[in-house]
Amino acid sequence: MNADNSAAWDVVAAARGSQENLRAHALSLLDHAEVMRQESRSRDTLFSERRRNREAGMRTPYGLEIIESCIGCKASREDFFCKFSTHVTRSIDLVSHHTVMPAGAVLFVEGQLPRGVFVLCSGKAKLSTTSKEGKVLILKQAEAGDVLGLSATISGTNYEMTAETATPCQLNFISRHELMNLLPKESEIGTHAATWLSREFQAAYRDIHDLVLARSSSGKLARLLLSCAPPPQKNIPEQRLRTPMTHEEMAQRIGSSRETVTRLLSELKRKRVIRIEGTSLIISDRLGLEAMAV
């Protein structure tokens, strides 16, 4: 250590000296040392940033913002099932179980006794039913703010469908016992439950209407694509589907086969009603698609 300090002072002295050769060499050494110091500082900063990113990633699995309490939740909006008054939110939070699930996790299965409801804080989930022959029909894709398993939980009958996460999801589970205890105490929860059950009935009616009364598979597919597209805007002629679906998932949504969906999509591309960019489906001619859906 003393030898290193002595050598450093010798370099500084030489830089201040009158001998031109020694002075130039000493200045070069000092410049090099400054560059090395800056590079070392940059590496330390980079390593610190990487460590902070890793720690942040550990705290937020699947890139989701973790919600540990309903109180002060920033995800909740007016159209969410869980948008309650402060007092009711506290009551819900006391009996809630927050969790994060990866894509492909089964929340409950058709025919299973109801354990409770899942409030979807973020992410997407698909609700499906299966025939005796094993044919799957996707009934709905649930979005953030939806409540899953509500009708079965309140009635005490078996879940009428299967719920599976389509993306990583932040969920809030409330057991049937706790929910049924809260309903007579908090009229606000009962009002929200009645509203959502009414929405489920109306959605089921529309789906049955579309499946039964649509004249062809092409009409059903057109209606499905339109339902997944954002609202039309005057200055934006094309519309990108908000939720990408595989051909198999489209077939399960309209009660058809994957081969039929693939053929119909090829026809729509040939007619320039839609186009494909990578995994995205873009509606190029909304009016033409609406004419098919009638």
Protein backbone atom coordinates (compact mmCIF):
# COMPACT_ATOMS: atom_id res chain seq x y z
CA MET A 1 0.00 0.00 0.00
CA ASN A 2 2.83 2.42 0.92
CA ALA A 3 4.67 1.50 -2.27
CA ASP A 4 1.58 2.26 -4.36
CA ASN A 5 1.15 5.66 -2.67
CA SER A 6 4.80 6.48 -3.22
CA ALA A 7 4.57 5.58 -6.90
CA ALA A 8 1.48 7.73 -7.31
CA TRP A 9 3.20 10.75 -5.78
CA ASP A 10 6.20 10.20 -8.04
CA VAL A 11 3.90 10.37 -11.09
CA VAL A 12 2.26 13.56 -9.80
CA ALA A 13 5.67 15.11 -9.14
CA ALA A 14 6.84 14.20 -12.62
CA ALA A 15 3.71 15.79 -14.13
CA ARG A 16 4.56 19.01 -12.32
CA GLY A 17 8.26 18.85 -13.17
CA SER A 18 10.23 20.71 -15.82
CA GLN A 19 11.54 17.72 -17.82
CA GLU A 20 9.35 17.58 -20.93
CA ASN A 21 9.62 13.82 -21.62
CA LEU A 22 8.91 12.80 -18.04
CA ARG A 23 6.15 15.38 -17.77
CA ALA A 24 4.37 14.15 -20.95
CA HIS A 25 4.67 10.52 -19.86
CA ALA A 26 3.32 11.32 -16.40
CA LEU A 27 0.36 13.25 -17.82
CA SER A 28 -0.39 10.29 -20.11
CA LEU A 29 -0.41 7.95 -17.11
CA LEU A 30 -2.75 10.28 -15.21
CA ASP A 31 -5.14 10.50 -18.18
CA HIS A 32 -5.16 6.72 -18.46
CA ALA A 33 -5.88 6.41 -14.74
CA GLU A 34 -8.82 8.84 -15.06
CA VAL A 35 -10.27 6.83 -17.97
CA MET A 36 -9.99 3.62 -15.96
CA ARG A 37 -11.68 5.32 -13.01
CA GLN A 38 -14.60 6.49 -15.19
CA GLU A 39 -15.00 3.04 -16.74
CA SER A 40 -15.00 1.43 -13.30
CA ARG A 41 -17.66 3.89 -12.14
CA SER A 42 -19.79 3.11 -15.25
CA ARG A 43 -19.51 -0.63 -14.61
CA ASP A 44 -20.52 -0.15 -10.98
CA THR A 45 -23.54 1.91 -12.08
CA LEU A 46 -24.53 -0.72 -14.65
CA PHE A 47 -24.21 -3.55 -12.13
CA SER A 48 -26.32 -1.55 -9.64
CA GLU A 49 -29.05 -0.99 -12.23
CA ARG A 50 -29.06 -4.66 -13.19
CA ARG A 51 -29.30 -5.66 -9.54
CA ARG A 52 -32.22 -3.27 -8.99
CA ASN A 53 -33.96 -4.65 -12.09
CA ARG A 54 -33.49 -8.22 -10.90
CA GLU A 55 -34.85 -7.32 -7.48
CA ALA A 56 -37.82 -5.55 -9.08
CA GLY A 57 -38.44 -8.59 -11.25
CA MET A 58 -38.43 -10.79 -8.17
CA ARG A 59 -41.02 -8.53 -6.55
CA THR A 60 -43.24 -8.46 -9.66
CA PRO A 61 -43.55 -11.94 -11.19
CA TYR A 62 -44.77 -12.10 -14.81
CA GLY A 63 -44.33 -8.32 -15.03
CA LEU A 64 -47.52 -7.67 -13.03
CA GLU A 65 -47.89 -4.94 -10.45
CA ILE A 66 -48.52 -6.83 -7.25
CA ILE A 67 -51.73 -5.89 -5.42
CA GLU A 68 -51.52 -6.93 -1.78
CA SER A 69 -54.59 -5.08 -0.53
CA CYS A 70 -57.90 -3.84 -1.93
CA ILE A 71 -57.48 -0.62 0.06
CA GLY A 72 -55.81 1.98 -2.12
CA CYS A 73 -55.77 -0.36 -5.15
CA LYS A 74 -54.88 1.64 -8.28
CA ALA A 75 -56.22 -0.99 -10.70
CA SER A 76 -59.88 -0.73 -9.70
CA ARG A 77 -62.16 1.40 -11.88
CA GLU A 78 -65.85 2.32 -11.88
CA ASP A 79 -66.82 -0.59 -14.14
CA PHE A 80 -65.03 -3.17 -11.95
CA PHE A 81 -67.02 -5.54 -9.74
CA CYS A 82 -64.78 -4.60 -6.81
CA LYS A 83 -65.35 -0.82 -7.03
CA PHE A 84 -66.95 -0.44 -3.60
CA SER A 85 -67.14 2.36 -1.08
CA THR A 86 -64.25 2.68 1.38
CA HIS A 87 -66.15 0.96 4.21
CA VAL A 88 -67.19 -2.03 2.06
CA THR A 89 -63.72 -2.27 0.52
CA ARG A 90 -62.26 -2.72 4.01
CA SER A 91 -64.78 -5.50 4.73
CA ILE A 92 -63.89 -7.25 1.44
CA ASP A 93 -60.17 -6.85 2.06
CA LEU A 94 -60.41 -8.61 5.43
CA VAL A 95 -61.71 -11.81 3.81
CA SER A 96 -59.74 -11.63 0.53
CA HIS A 97 -56.83 -13.78 -0.59
CA HIS A 98 -54.63 -12.10 -3.22
CA THR A 99 -52.59 -14.23 -5.57
CA VAL A 100 -50.77 -14.21 -8.91
CA MET A 101 -51.29 -17.01 -11.44
CA PRO A 102 -49.39 -17.83 -14.65
CA ALA A 103 -51.12 -18.37 -17.97
CA GLY A 104 -52.80 -21.78 -18.22
CA ALA A 105 -53.75 -22.06 -14.53
CA VAL A 106 -57.17 -23.65 -13.92
CA LEU A 107 -59.16 -21.67 -11.34
CA PHE A 108 -62.16 -23.99 -11.21
CA VAL A 109 -63.62 -26.81 -13.29
CA GLU A 110 -67.08 -27.36 -14.73
CA GLY A 111 -69.10 -29.54 -12.33
CA GLN A 112 -66.95 -28.70 -9.30
CA LEU A 113 -68.62 -27.61 -6.05
CA PRO A 114 -68.26 -23.83 -5.67
CA ARG A 115 -65.44 -22.77 -3.35
CA GLY A 116 -65.91 -19.06 -3.94
CA VAL A 117 -65.41 -16.27 -6.46
CA PHE A 118 -62.32 -14.93 -8.21
CA VAL A 119 -62.11 -11.21 -8.92
CA LEU A 120 -59.82 -10.63 -11.90
CA CYS A 121 -57.65 -7.64 -10.91
CA SER A 122 -55.51 -7.78 -14.07
CA GLY A 123 -54.97 -10.14 -16.99
CA LYS A 124 -57.40 -12.27 -18.99
CA ALA A 125 -59.15 -15.60 -18.39
CA LYS A 126 -61.21 -17.84 -20.63
CA LEU A 127 -64.47 -19.49 -19.59
CA SER A 128 -65.36 -22.70 -21.41
CA THR A 129 -67.62 -25.73 -21.39
CA THR A 130 -66.94 -29.22 -22.72
CA SER A 131 -69.31 -31.72 -24.34
CA LYS A 132 -69.37 -35.41 -23.52
CA GLU A 133 -67.43 -36.00 -26.74
CA GLY A 134 -64.68 -33.65 -25.51
CA LYS A 135 -65.51 -30.71 -27.79
CA VAL A 136 -64.62 -27.41 -26.14
CA LEU A 137 -66.71 -24.26 -26.54
CA ILE A 138 -65.23 -21.00 -25.22
CA LEU A 139 -68.12 -19.04 -23.73
CA LYS A 140 -66.32 -15.84 -22.87
CA GLN A 141 -62.96 -14.19 -22.37
CA ALA A 142 -62.98 -12.44 -19.02
CA GLU A 143 -61.17 -9.13 -18.64
CA ALA A 144 -59.77 -7.21 -15.69
CA GLY A 145 -62.58 -6.20 -13.34
CA ASP A 146 -64.73 -9.27 -14.00
CA VAL A 147 -65.86 -11.64 -11.24
CA LEU A 148 -65.69 -15.38 -11.99
CA GLY A 149 -67.92 -18.09 -10.51
CA LEU A 150 -70.45 -15.68 -8.98
CA SER A 151 -73.71 -17.41 -9.98
CA ALA A 152 -72.57 -20.86 -8.80
CA THR A 153 -71.18 -19.44 -5.57
CA ILE A 154 -74.42 -17.64 -4.66
CA SER A 155 -76.74 -20.48 -5.72
CA GLY A 156 -74.56 -23.19 -4.19
CA THR A 157 -74.75 -25.28 -7.37
CA ASN A 158 -71.76 -26.67 -9.24
CA TYR A 159 -69.66 -24.39 -11.39
CA GLU A 160 -71.35 -24.35 -14.81
CA MET A 161 -68.09 -23.74 -16.70
CA THR A 162 -64.31 -24.03 -16.46
CA ALA A 163 -62.17 -20.94 -15.79
CA GLU A 164 -58.55 -20.87 -16.94
CA THR A 165 -56.10 -17.97 -17.06
CA ALA A 166 -55.25 -16.94 -20.63
CA THR A 167 -52.43 -14.61 -19.50
CA PRO A 168 -50.59 -14.09 -16.20
CA CYS A 169 -53.25 -12.78 -13.83
CA GLN A 170 -53.55 -10.96 -10.53
CA LEU A 171 -56.54 -12.45 -8.70
CA ASN A 172 -58.51 -11.88 -5.54
CA PHE A 173 -60.27 -14.94 -4.09
CA ILE A 174 -63.24 -14.66 -1.72
CA SER A 175 -64.57 -17.91 -0.28
CA ARG A 176 -68.27 -18.76 -0.54
CA HIS A 177 -68.62 -18.80 3.25
CA GLU A 178 -67.22 -15.26 3.60
CA LEU A 179 -69.19 -13.90 0.65
CA MET A 180 -72.49 -15.32 1.89
CA ASN A 181 -71.80 -13.80 5.33
CA LEU A 182 -71.19 -10.37 3.81
CA LEU A 183 -74.23 -10.28 1.50
CA PRO A 184 -76.89 -9.69 4.20
CA LYS A 185 -74.64 -7.21 6.02
CA GLU A 186 -73.55 -5.06 3.09
CA SER A 187 -76.32 -4.15 0.63
CA GLU A 188 -73.73 -2.60 -1.70
CA ILE A 189 -72.16 -6.03 -2.32
CA GLY A 190 -75.62 -7.46 -3.02
CA THR A 191 -76.31 -4.68 -5.54
CA HIS A 192 -73.01 -5.32 -7.34
CA ALA A 193 -73.70 -9.06 -7.37
CA ALA A 194 -77.18 -8.54 -8.86
CA THR A 195 -75.77 -6.21 -11.51
CA TRP A 196 -73.12 -8.68 -12.57
CA LEU A 197 -75.52 -11.63 -12.63
CA SER A 198 -77.77 -9.55 -14.89
CA ARG A 199 -74.81 -8.82 -17.18
CA GLU A 200 -73.97 -12.53 -17.33
CA PHE A 201 -77.57 -13.36 -18.29
CA GLN A 202 -77.64 -10.71 -21.02
CA ALA A 203 -74.28 -11.85 -22.40
CA ALA A 204 -75.43 -15.48 -22.42
CA TYR A 205 -78.61 -14.47 -24.27
CA ARG A 206 -76.61 -12.60 -26.91
CA ASP A 207 -74.23 -15.53 -27.35
CA ILE A 208 -77.09 -18.01 -27.77
CA HIS A 209 -78.74 -15.64 -30.25
CA ASP A 210 -75.52 -15.41 -32.27
CA LEU A 211 -74.81 -19.13 -32.22
CA VAL A 212 -78.31 -20.30 -33.04
CA LEU A 213 -79.59 -17.60 -35.40
CA ALA A 214 -76.43 -16.90 -37.39
CA ARG A 215 -76.99 -18.52 -40.77
CA SER A 216 -73.45 -19.72 -41.37
CA SER A 217 -70.06 -20.24 -39.79
CA SER A 218 -68.80 -17.23 -41.76
CA GLY A 219 -71.45 -15.04 -40.09
CA LYS A 220 -70.49 -16.35 -36.64
CA LEU A 221 -66.81 -15.71 -37.33
CA ALA A 222 -67.55 -12.19 -38.58
CA ARG A 223 -69.48 -11.42 -35.39
CA LEU A 224 -66.65 -12.79 -33.27
CA LEU A 225 -64.03 -10.64 -35.02
CA LEU A 226 -66.18 -7.55 -34.68
CA SER A 227 -66.75 -8.22 -30.97
CA CYS A 228 -62.98 -8.36 -30.41
CA ALA A 229 -62.26 -5.17 -32.37
CA PRO A 230 -62.08 -1.70 -30.79
CA PRO A 231 -64.89 0.81 -31.52
CA PRO A 232 -64.62 2.30 -35.04
CA GLN A 233 -63.00 5.72 -35.41
CA LYS A 234 -63.36 8.08 -38.36
CA ASN A 235 -59.66 8.76 -38.86
CA ILE A 236 -58.54 5.15 -38.41
CA PRO A 237 -59.74 2.97 -41.32
CA GLU A 238 -58.17 -0.25 -40.03
CA GLN A 239 -58.69 -1.97 -36.69
CA ARG A 240 -56.33 -4.32 -34.92
CA LEU A 241 -57.96 -7.00 -32.77
CA ARG A 242 -57.43 -6.24 -29.09
CA THR A 243 -57.12 -9.93 -28.20
CA PRO A 244 -55.11 -12.24 -30.47
CA MET A 245 -56.68 -15.70 -30.85
CA THR A 246 -55.47 -18.92 -32.45
CA HIS A 247 -57.57 -20.63 -35.10
CA GLU A 248 -58.44 -23.29 -32.53
CA GLU A 249 -59.66 -20.67 -30.04
CA MET A 250 -61.79 -18.99 -32.73
CA ALA A 251 -63.31 -22.36 -33.58
CA GLN A 252 -64.09 -22.97 -29.92
CA ARG A 253 -65.74 -19.56 -29.67
CA ILE A 254 -68.12 -20.13 -32.61
CA GLY A 255 -68.73 -23.87 -32.19
CA SER A 256 -66.92 -24.85 -35.38
CA SER A 257 -63.76 -26.70 -36.41
CA ARG A 258 -60.25 -25.31 -36.73
CA GLU A 259 -60.13 -26.32 -40.40
CA THR A 260 -63.31 -24.35 -41.12
CA VAL A 261 -61.94 -21.24 -39.38
CA THR A 262 -58.67 -21.48 -41.32
CA ARG A 263 -60.58 -21.71 -44.61
CA LEU A 264 -62.86 -18.78 -43.75
CA LEU A 265 -59.93 -16.58 -42.72
CA SER A 266 -58.18 -17.35 -46.01
CA GLU A 267 -61.31 -16.25 -47.87
CA LEU A 268 -61.49 -13.02 -45.87
CA LYS A 269 -57.83 -12.31 -46.65
CA ARG A 270 -58.43 -13.01 -50.35
CA LYS A 271 -61.36 -10.55 -50.34
CA ARG A 272 -59.15 -8.03 -48.47
CA VAL A 273 -61.61 -7.82 -45.60
CA ILE A 274 -58.79 -8.67 -43.16
CA ARG A 275 -55.04 -8.97 -43.26
CA ILE A 276 -52.48 -10.67 -41.05
CA GLU A 277 -49.34 -9.06 -39.61
CA GLY A 278 -47.35 -11.61 -37.65
CA THR A 279 -49.70 -12.79 -34.89
CA SER A 280 -52.02 -9.77 -35.30
CA LEU A 281 -55.28 -9.80 -37.24
CA ILE A 282 -56.30 -6.44 -38.72
CA ILE A 283 -59.77 -5.62 -40.05
CA SER A 284 -59.28 -3.73 -43.32
CA ASP A 285 -62.94 -3.56 -44.38
CA ARG A 286 -65.23 -3.26 -41.35
CA LEU A 287 -68.32 -2.56 -43.45
CA GLY A 288 -67.73 -5.74 -45.44
CA LEU A 289 -67.33 -7.73 -42.21
CA GLU A 290 -70.49 -6.19 -40.76
CA ALA A 291 -72.42 -7.21 -43.90
CA MET A 292 -71.34 -10.82 -43.35
CA ALA A 293 -72.39 -10.71 -39.69
CA VAL A 294 -76.01 -9.75 -40.43
